Amino acid sequence: MKNNVKITRMEQKITQEQLARRVHVTRQTIGLIEKGVYNPTLQLCVAIAKAMGKTLDDLFWEVD
């Protein structure tokens, strides 16, 4: 799964730690999501999107 989490987070000038606190995960989890190493649950994707004021489509997409 590809995502725009890092780009969006940097545009909003928030740290991985700040985003992690907002969605109740560790900073390491956010880092792995940004690298595309960890596929978050739908629930976590929704939480991240809400925390950043974006839609799921803005942040996440499937790659064939």
C-alpha atoms as a PDB file:
ATOM      1  CA  MET A   1       0.000   0.000   0.000  1.00  0.00           C
ATOM      2  CA  LYS A   2       1.322   3.425  -0.924  1.00  0.00           C
ATOM      3  CA  ASN A   3       0.554   6.513   1.109  1.00  0.00           C
ATOM      4  CA  ASN A   4       1.034  10.269   1.419  1.00  0.00           C
ATOM      5  CA  VAL A   5       1.204  10.293   5.210  1.00  0.00           C
ATOM      6  CA  LYS A   6       4.763  11.657   5.444  1.00  0.00           C
ATOM      7  CA  ILE A   7       4.240  14.347   2.808  1.00  0.00           C
ATOM      8  CA  THR A   8       0.974  15.475   4.408  1.00  0.00           C
ATOM      9  CA  ARG A   9       2.469  15.380   7.913  1.00  0.00           C
ATOM     10  CA  MET A  10       5.416  17.508   6.830  1.00  0.00           C
ATOM     11  CA  GLU A  11       3.126  19.990   5.031  1.00  0.00           C
ATOM     12  CA  GLN A  12       1.160  20.340   8.272  1.00  0.00           C
ATOM     13  CA  LYS A  13       4.417  20.768  10.241  1.00  0.00           C
ATOM     14  CA  ILE A  14       3.680  18.027  12.747  1.00  0.00           C
ATOM     15  CA  THR A  15       6.131  15.420  13.994  1.00  0.00           C
ATOM     16  CA  GLN A  16       5.731  11.665  13.885  1.00  0.00           C
ATOM     17  CA  GLU A  17       5.386  11.787  17.678  1.00  0.00           C
ATOM     18  CA  GLN A  18       2.566  14.338  17.525  1.00  0.00           C
ATOM     19  CA  LEU A  19       0.660  12.315  14.936  1.00  0.00           C
ATOM     20  CA  ALA A  20       1.253   9.123  16.898  1.00  0.00           C
ATOM     21  CA  ARG A  21      -0.236  10.677  20.033  1.00  0.00           C
ATOM     22  CA  ARG A  22      -3.301  11.861  18.105  1.00  0.00           C
ATOM     23  CA  VAL A  23      -4.044   8.348  16.824  1.00  0.00           C
ATOM     24  CA  HIS A  24      -2.831   6.434  19.920  1.00  0.00           C
ATOM     25  CA  VAL A  25       0.057   4.491  18.380  1.00  0.00           C
ATOM     26  CA  THR A  26       3.830   4.669  18.758  1.00  0.00           C
ATOM     27  CA  ARG A  27       6.093   6.973  16.783  1.00  0.00           C
ATOM     28  CA  GLN A  28       7.726   3.853  15.366  1.00  0.00           C
ATOM     29  CA  THR A  29       4.382   2.717  13.931  1.00  0.00           C
ATOM     30  CA  ILE A  30       3.962   6.040  12.125  1.00  0.00           C
ATOM     31  CA  GLY A  31       7.505   5.737  10.764  1.00  0.00           C
ATOM     32  CA  LEU A  32       6.846   2.237   9.422  1.00  0.00           C
ATOM     33  CA  ILE A  33       3.562   3.348   7.825  1.00  0.00           C
ATOM     34  CA  GLU A  34       5.341   6.265   6.131  1.00  0.00           C
ATOM     35  CA  LYS A  35       8.010   3.912   4.756  1.00  0.00           C
ATOM     36  CA  GLY A  36       5.345   1.527   3.455  1.00  0.00           C
ATOM     37  CA  VAL A  37       6.708  -1.318   5.587  1.00  0.00           C
ATOM     38  CA  TYR A  38       3.617  -1.642   7.795  1.00  0.00           C
ATOM     39  CA  ASN A  39       0.065  -1.934   6.471  1.00  0.00           C
ATOM     40  CA  PRO A  40      -2.210  -0.263   9.016  1.00  0.00           C
ATOM     41  CA  THR A  41      -5.693  -1.489   9.791  1.00  0.00           C
ATOM     42  CA  LEU A  42      -8.628   0.303   8.224  1.00  0.00           C
ATOM     43  CA  GLN A  43      -9.433   1.701  11.661  1.00  0.00           C
ATOM     44  CA  LEU A  44      -5.947   3.204  11.962  1.00  0.00           C
ATOM     45  CA  CYS A  45      -6.104   4.575   8.401  1.00  0.00           C
ATOM     46  CA  VAL A  46      -9.367   6.327   9.256  1.00  0.00           C
ATOM     47  CA  ALA A  47      -7.894   7.709  12.495  1.00  0.00           C
ATOM     48  CA  ILE A  48      -4.851   9.076  10.657  1.00  0.00           C
ATOM     49  CA  ALA A  49      -7.017  10.635   7.952  1.00  0.00           C
ATOM     50  CA  LYS A  50      -9.279  12.301  10.535  1.00  0.00           C
ATOM     51  CA  ALA A  51      -6.317  13.536  12.579  1.00  0.00           C
ATOM     52  CA  MET A  52      -4.863  15.155   9.474  1.00  0.00           C
ATOM     53  CA  GLY A  53      -8.143  16.512   8.094  1.00  0.00           C
ATOM     54  CA  LYS A  54      -7.850  14.386   4.945  1.00  0.00           C
ATOM     55  CA  THR A  55      -9.810  11.594   3.281  1.00  0.00           C
ATOM     56  CA  LEU A  56      -8.639   8.006   2.950  1.00  0.00           C
ATOM     57  CA  ASP A  57      -8.276   8.605  -0.785  1.00  0.00           C
ATOM     58  CA  ASP A  58      -5.985  11.570  -0.088  1.00  0.00           C
ATOM     59  CA  LEU A  59      -3.618   9.473   2.017  1.00  0.00           C
ATOM     60  CA  PHE A  60      -3.780   5.810   0.974  1.00  0.00           C
ATOM     61  CA  TRP A  61      -4.054   3.774  -2.204  1.00  0.00           C
ATOM     62  CA  GLU A  62      -3.491   0.172  -3.303  1.00  0.00           C
ATOM     63  CA  VAL A  63      -0.720  -0.702  -5.723  1.00  0.00           C
ATOM     64  CA  ASP A  64      -1.114  -3.635  -8.104  1.00  0.00           C
END
